[in-house]
Amino acid sequence: MLNNIGLPGLLLIAVVVLVLFGRGKISSLMGEVGKGITSFKKGVKEGTDEIENASIEDDTEARDVTPAKEKDKV
């Protein structure tokens, strides 16, 4: 259904949206979308950095936790 919209259809939709909402409302909405995308990218980057740092810290703090064997068990 949406495969056959084409350029004239997209232009018609854009004009209708512009008439209904106005230029100011659309520009503020696009600004908020841009801020959301930026925030999402920042969160993803911080998450991957946190995972990488956690794996590095795990390697440096690895130690043997097996109990020591007692020689003289009764």
N, C-alpha and C. Protein backbone atom coordinates (compact mmCIF):
# COMPACT_ATOMS: atom_id res chain seq x y z
N MET A 1 0.83 -1.19 0.00
CA MET A 1 0.00 0.00 0.00
C MET A 1 0.87 1.26 0.00
N LEU A 2 1.85 1.31 0.89
CA LEU A 2 2.70 2.50 0.97
C LEU A 2 3.86 2.46 -0.02
N ASN A 3 3.99 1.39 -0.77
CA ASN A 3 5.09 1.28 -1.72
C ASN A 3 4.93 2.21 -2.91
N ASN A 4 3.73 2.63 -3.22
CA ASN A 4 3.47 3.41 -4.42
C ASN A 4 3.15 4.88 -4.14
N ILE A 5 3.63 5.42 -3.02
CA ILE A 5 3.34 6.82 -2.70
C ILE A 5 4.07 7.74 -3.66
N GLY A 6 5.35 7.61 -3.78
CA GLY A 6 6.14 8.42 -4.70
C GLY A 6 6.35 9.84 -4.20
N LEU A 7 7.09 10.61 -4.98
CA LEU A 7 7.42 11.98 -4.62
C LEU A 7 6.20 12.90 -4.59
N PRO A 8 5.30 12.85 -5.59
CA PRO A 8 4.13 13.73 -5.52
C PRO A 8 3.25 13.47 -4.30
N GLY A 9 3.12 12.21 -3.92
CA GLY A 9 2.34 11.88 -2.73
C GLY A 9 2.97 12.41 -1.46
N LEU A 10 4.30 12.28 -1.37
CA LEU A 10 5.00 12.80 -0.19
C LEU A 10 4.89 14.32 -0.10
N LEU A 11 4.99 14.99 -1.23
CA LEU A 11 4.85 16.46 -1.23
C LEU A 11 3.45 16.87 -0.80
N LEU A 12 2.44 16.15 -1.26
CA LEU A 12 1.06 16.45 -0.87
C LEU A 12 0.88 16.26 0.63
N ILE A 13 1.43 15.18 1.17
CA ILE A 13 1.33 14.94 2.62
C ILE A 13 2.05 16.05 3.38
N ALA A 14 3.22 16.47 2.91
CA ALA A 14 3.96 17.53 3.58
C ALA A 14 3.19 18.84 3.59
N VAL A 15 2.55 19.17 2.47
CA VAL A 15 1.76 20.41 2.39
C VAL A 15 0.57 20.35 3.33
N VAL A 16 -0.11 19.21 3.39
CA VAL A 16 -1.27 19.07 4.28
C VAL A 16 -0.85 19.21 5.74
N VAL A 17 0.26 18.58 6.11
CA VAL A 17 0.75 18.68 7.49
C VAL A 17 1.14 20.11 7.81
N LEU A 18 1.77 20.79 6.87
CA LEU A 18 2.17 22.17 7.07
C LEU A 18 0.95 23.07 7.26
N VAL A 19 -0.09 22.85 6.50
CA VAL A 19 -1.31 23.66 6.61
C VAL A 19 -2.01 23.38 7.94
N LEU A 20 -2.05 22.12 8.34
CA LEU A 20 -2.77 21.77 9.56
C LEU A 20 -2.06 22.26 10.82
N PHE A 21 -0.75 22.11 10.89
CA PHE A 21 -0.03 22.41 12.12
C PHE A 21 0.70 23.75 12.12
N GLY A 22 1.03 24.25 10.97
CA GLY A 22 1.76 25.51 10.92
C GLY A 22 3.26 25.32 11.01
N ARG A 23 3.98 26.29 10.48
CA ARG A 23 5.43 26.18 10.41
C ARG A 23 6.09 26.19 11.79
N GLY A 24 5.60 27.01 12.69
CA GLY A 24 6.20 27.12 14.02
C GLY A 24 6.08 25.83 14.82
N LYS A 25 4.90 25.23 14.76
CA LYS A 25 4.67 23.99 15.51
C LYS A 25 5.53 22.86 14.96
N ILE A 26 5.66 22.79 13.64
CA ILE A 26 6.45 21.72 13.04
C ILE A 26 7.93 21.91 13.35
N SER A 27 8.43 23.14 13.29
CA SER A 27 9.85 23.36 13.58
C SER A 27 10.18 23.05 15.04
N SER A 28 9.28 23.39 15.96
CA SER A 28 9.53 23.07 17.36
C SER A 28 9.46 21.56 17.59
N LEU A 29 8.57 20.89 16.87
CA LEU A 29 8.47 19.44 16.99
C LEU A 29 9.73 18.77 16.46
N MET A 30 10.24 19.24 15.33
CA MET A 30 11.47 18.68 14.77
C MET A 30 12.67 18.95 15.68
N GLY A 31 12.67 20.10 16.35
CA GLY A 31 13.74 20.40 17.32
C GLY A 31 13.72 19.41 18.47
N GLU A 32 12.53 19.08 18.96
CA GLU A 32 12.40 18.10 20.04
C GLU A 32 12.81 16.71 19.58
N VAL A 33 12.48 16.37 18.35
CA VAL A 33 12.89 15.07 17.80
C VAL A 33 14.42 15.00 17.73
N GLY A 34 15.04 16.08 17.29
CA GLY A 34 16.50 16.13 17.22
C GLY A 34 17.14 15.99 18.59
N LYS A 35 16.57 16.65 19.60
CA LYS A 35 17.09 16.52 20.96
C LYS A 35 16.93 15.10 21.48
N GLY A 36 15.82 14.47 21.13
CA GLY A 36 15.59 13.09 21.55
C GLY A 36 16.58 12.14 20.92
N ILE A 37 16.87 12.32 19.64
CA ILE A 37 17.84 11.47 18.95
C ILE A 37 19.23 11.66 19.56
N THR A 38 19.60 12.92 19.84
CA THR A 38 20.89 13.19 20.45
C THR A 38 21.00 12.55 21.82
N SER A 39 19.94 12.65 22.61
CA SER A 39 19.93 12.05 23.94
C SER A 39 20.03 10.53 23.86
N PHE A 40 19.33 9.94 22.89
CA PHE A 40 19.38 8.50 22.71
C PHE A 40 20.79 8.04 22.35
N LYS A 41 21.43 8.73 21.43
CA LYS A 41 22.79 8.38 21.03
C LYS A 41 23.75 8.51 22.20
N LYS A 42 23.59 9.56 23.00
CA LYS A 42 24.44 9.77 24.17
C LYS A 42 24.24 8.63 25.18
N GLY A 43 23.00 8.22 25.39
CA GLY A 43 22.72 7.13 26.31
C GLY A 43 23.31 5.81 25.84
N VAL A 44 23.22 5.54 24.55
CA VAL A 44 23.79 4.31 24.00
C VAL A 44 25.30 4.32 24.17
N LYS A 45 25.93 5.46 23.90
CA LYS A 45 27.39 5.57 24.02
C LYS A 45 27.81 5.37 25.48
N GLU A 46 27.09 5.99 26.41
CA GLU A 46 27.42 5.83 27.83
C GLU A 46 27.22 4.38 28.28
N GLY A 47 26.21 3.73 27.75
CA GLY A 47 25.96 2.33 28.10
C GLY A 47 27.07 1.42 27.61
N THR A 48 27.51 1.63 26.38
CA THR A 48 28.60 0.79 25.86
C THR A 48 29.90 1.08 26.60
N ASP A 49 30.15 2.35 26.95
CA ASP A 49 31.34 2.69 27.73
C ASP A 49 31.30 2.02 29.10
N GLU A 50 30.12 2.01 29.72
CA GLU A 50 29.97 1.40 31.03
C GLU A 50 30.22 -0.11 30.97
N ILE A 51 29.72 -0.75 29.92
CA ILE A 51 29.94 -2.19 29.76
C ILE A 51 31.41 -2.49 29.53
N GLU A 52 32.07 -1.68 28.70
CA GLU A 52 33.49 -1.89 28.45
C GLU A 52 34.31 -1.68 29.72
N ASN A 53 33.98 -0.64 30.47
CA ASN A 53 34.71 -0.39 31.73
C ASN A 53 34.48 -1.50 32.73
N ALA A 54 33.28 -2.04 32.79
CA ALA A 54 32.99 -3.12 33.72
C ALA A 54 33.79 -4.37 33.35
N SER A 55 33.91 -4.66 32.06
CA SER A 55 34.67 -5.84 31.65
C SER A 55 36.16 -5.64 31.93
N ILE A 56 36.66 -4.44 31.79
CA ILE A 56 38.07 -4.16 32.10
C ILE A 56 38.31 -4.30 33.60
N GLU A 57 37.40 -3.78 34.42
CA GLU A 57 37.55 -3.87 35.87
C GLU A 57 37.46 -5.31 36.33
N ASP A 58 36.62 -6.12 35.70
CA ASP A 58 36.50 -7.52 36.08
C ASP A 58 37.82 -8.25 35.83
N ASP A 59 38.51 -7.92 34.75
CA ASP A 59 39.78 -8.57 34.44
C ASP A 59 40.85 -8.20 35.47
N THR A 60 40.86 -6.95 35.92
CA THR A 60 41.90 -6.53 36.86
C THR A 60 41.63 -7.02 38.27
N GLU A 61 40.37 -7.24 38.62
CA GLU A 61 40.04 -7.65 39.96
C GLU A 61 39.84 -9.17 40.09
N ALA A 62 40.13 -9.92 39.05
CA ALA A 62 39.96 -11.36 39.11
C ALA A 62 40.97 -11.96 40.07
N ARG A 63 40.49 -12.86 40.93
CA ARG A 63 41.38 -13.50 41.88
C ARG A 63 40.87 -14.90 42.16
N ASP A 64 41.72 -15.69 42.71
CA ASP A 64 41.38 -17.07 43.02
C ASP A 64 40.59 -17.11 44.32
N VAL A 65 39.40 -17.66 44.28
CA VAL A 65 38.56 -17.71 45.47
C VAL A 65 38.29 -19.13 45.93
N THR A 66 39.06 -20.08 45.40
CA THR A 66 38.88 -21.46 45.83
C THR A 66 39.40 -21.62 47.26
N PRO A 67 38.72 -22.41 48.07
CA PRO A 67 39.18 -22.56 49.46
C PRO A 67 40.49 -23.32 49.52
N ALA A 68 41.32 -22.98 50.50
CA ALA A 68 42.61 -23.63 50.69
C ALA A 68 42.37 -25.03 51.27
N LYS A 69 43.17 -25.99 50.83
CA LYS A 69 43.03 -27.36 51.32
C LYS A 69 43.73 -27.50 52.67
N GLU A 70 43.09 -28.19 53.58
CA GLU A 70 43.69 -28.44 54.89
C GLU A 70 44.43 -29.77 54.82
N LYS A 71 45.64 -29.80 55.33
CA LYS A 71 46.46 -31.01 55.28
C LYS A 71 46.02 -32.04 56.30
N ASP A 72 45.65 -31.57 57.46
CA ASP A 72 45.32 -32.50 58.55
C ASP A 72 43.83 -32.52 58.80
N LYS A 73 43.09 -33.21 57.97
CA LYS A 73 41.66 -33.35 58.20
C LYS A 73 41.44 -34.60 59.05
N VAL A 74 40.52 -34.51 59.99
CA VAL A 74 40.26 -35.64 60.88
C VAL A 74 39.13 -36.46 60.36
